[in-house]
Amino acid sequence: MKTLYLHNPRCSKSRQGLELIKSNGINHEVIEYLKNPLKKSELSLLFDLLSQRYSWKEFTRVKEKEFNQNTDKMTKTNWIKLIIGTPKLIERPILFNDKNAVIGRPPENLLSF
């Protein structure tokens, strides 16, 4: 799997992160995940990778009005269904491949990739 950058061009942090990885020569493919949502298999891998570093609440936009979960626990299956149904609930930006994933909040975190 190549390195993917989950990007929302309307988000300033996502734009900053994109410039940062470009200027540091990190080879990547930009995925505008709101236009081209990730496949179930990609979300499954992403959940596994992010869960090694972060709580699911850190890679889910829980403050969005569309987030209506009442649980402190989130299973991978439920998270995948949530993101497939409402892709805007995934945090951005995220840089990932089949071995590593980093959330670009702040954008400088992407350099740890």
Protein backbone atom coordinates (compact mmCIF):
# COMPACT_ATOMS: atom_id res chain seq x y z
CA MET A 1 0.00 0.00 0.00
CA LYS A 2 1.25 3.45 -0.82
CA THR A 3 1.22 6.28 1.69
CA LEU A 4 -2.14 8.05 1.74
CA TYR A 5 -2.90 11.54 3.01
CA LEU A 6 -6.51 12.03 4.12
CA HIS A 7 -7.22 15.61 3.15
CA ASN A 8 -10.02 18.13 3.35
CA PRO A 9 -9.03 21.19 1.31
CA ARG A 10 -11.41 23.37 3.35
CA CYS A 11 -9.47 22.62 6.56
CA SER A 12 -6.52 24.91 7.34
CA LYS A 13 -4.70 22.22 9.36
CA SER A 14 -5.07 19.80 6.46
CA ARG A 15 -3.72 22.38 3.98
CA GLN A 16 -0.81 23.17 6.33
CA GLY A 17 -0.04 19.48 6.74
CA LEU A 18 -0.07 18.91 3.00
CA GLU A 19 2.42 21.72 2.45
CA LEU A 20 4.61 20.37 5.25
CA ILE A 21 4.82 16.83 3.89
CA LYS A 22 5.41 18.11 0.35
CA SER A 23 8.22 20.40 1.48
CA ASN A 24 9.81 17.51 3.41
CA GLY A 25 9.70 15.14 0.46
CA ILE A 26 7.27 12.63 1.96
CA ASN A 27 5.93 10.63 -0.97
CA HIS A 28 2.14 10.36 -0.71
CA GLU A 29 -1.16 10.20 -2.54
CA VAL A 30 -3.79 12.76 -1.56
CA ILE A 31 -7.23 11.35 -0.81
CA GLU A 32 -10.04 13.87 -0.50
CA TYR A 33 -11.96 11.49 1.73
CA LEU A 34 -15.23 13.44 1.54
CA LYS A 35 -15.27 13.03 -2.26
CA ASN A 36 -13.66 9.58 -2.31
CA PRO A 37 -14.46 7.78 0.95
CA LEU A 38 -12.15 5.03 2.13
CA LYS A 39 -13.08 1.40 1.58
CA LYS A 40 -14.05 -0.79 4.51
CA SER A 41 -10.69 -2.61 4.33
CA GLU A 42 -8.79 0.71 4.42
CA LEU A 43 -10.82 1.91 7.40
CA SER A 44 -10.18 -1.37 9.20
CA LEU A 45 -6.43 -1.00 8.72
CA LEU A 46 -6.56 2.66 9.69
CA PHE A 47 -8.45 1.90 12.91
CA ASP A 48 -5.88 -0.76 13.85
CA LEU A 49 -2.93 1.54 13.16
CA LEU A 50 -4.36 4.59 14.89
CA SER A 51 -5.46 2.55 17.90
CA GLN A 52 -1.81 1.76 18.59
CA ARG A 53 -1.13 5.47 19.30
CA TYR A 54 -4.45 7.14 19.96
CA SER A 55 -7.82 6.71 21.59
CA TRP A 56 -10.65 6.38 19.04
CA LYS A 57 -11.91 9.77 20.27
CA GLU A 58 -8.71 11.36 19.00
CA PHE A 59 -9.28 10.16 15.44
CA THR A 60 -13.02 10.77 15.42
CA ARG A 61 -14.56 14.23 15.25
CA VAL A 62 -16.79 13.74 18.29
CA LYS A 63 -17.71 17.46 18.50
CA GLU A 64 -19.49 17.43 15.14
CA LYS A 65 -23.28 17.61 15.36
CA GLU A 66 -23.53 14.40 13.31
CA PHE A 67 -21.73 12.46 16.02
CA ASN A 68 -24.50 10.90 18.08
CA GLN A 69 -22.85 7.98 19.83
CA ASN A 70 -23.53 7.53 23.54
CA THR A 71 -20.65 5.34 24.43
CA ASP A 72 -17.19 5.73 25.80
CA LYS A 73 -16.26 2.45 24.13
CA MET A 74 -16.17 2.06 20.39
CA THR A 75 -15.60 -1.21 18.62
CA LYS A 76 -13.77 -1.29 15.32
CA THR A 77 -16.90 -2.54 13.57
CA ASN A 78 -19.01 0.29 14.97
CA TRP A 79 -16.37 2.89 14.10
CA ILE A 80 -16.14 1.65 10.51
CA LYS A 81 -19.93 1.81 10.15
CA LEU A 82 -19.92 5.31 11.63
CA ILE A 83 -17.26 6.59 9.23
CA ILE A 84 -18.79 4.88 6.19
CA GLY A 85 -22.11 6.52 7.06
CA THR A 86 -20.61 9.93 7.85
CA PRO A 87 -17.08 10.32 6.46
CA LYS A 88 -16.73 13.85 7.85
CA LEU A 89 -16.42 12.31 11.32
CA ILE A 90 -12.90 11.09 10.67
CA GLU A 91 -10.23 13.40 12.05
CA ARG A 92 -8.02 15.16 9.56
CA PRO A 93 -5.41 15.21 8.35
CA ILE A 94 -4.08 11.67 8.61
CA LEU A 95 -1.03 10.24 6.87
CA PHE A 96 -0.91 6.44 6.70
CA ASN A 97 0.30 3.35 4.93
CA ASP A 98 0.07 -0.34 5.81
CA LYS A 99 2.50 0.01 8.75
CA ASN A 100 2.07 3.47 10.26
CA ALA A 101 -0.51 6.21 10.80
CA VAL A 102 -0.17 9.73 12.19
CA ILE A 103 -2.76 12.41 12.85
CA GLY A 104 -1.57 15.86 11.75
CA ARG A 105 -2.82 17.81 14.75
CA PRO A 106 -0.72 19.85 14.96
CA PRO A 107 0.56 19.48 11.40
CA GLU A 108 4.15 19.02 12.64
CA ASN A 109 3.11 15.60 13.99
CA LEU A 110 3.16 14.39 10.38
CA LEU A 111 6.96 14.62 10.37
CA SER A 112 7.07 11.73 12.87
CA PHE A 113 5.75 9.48 10.12
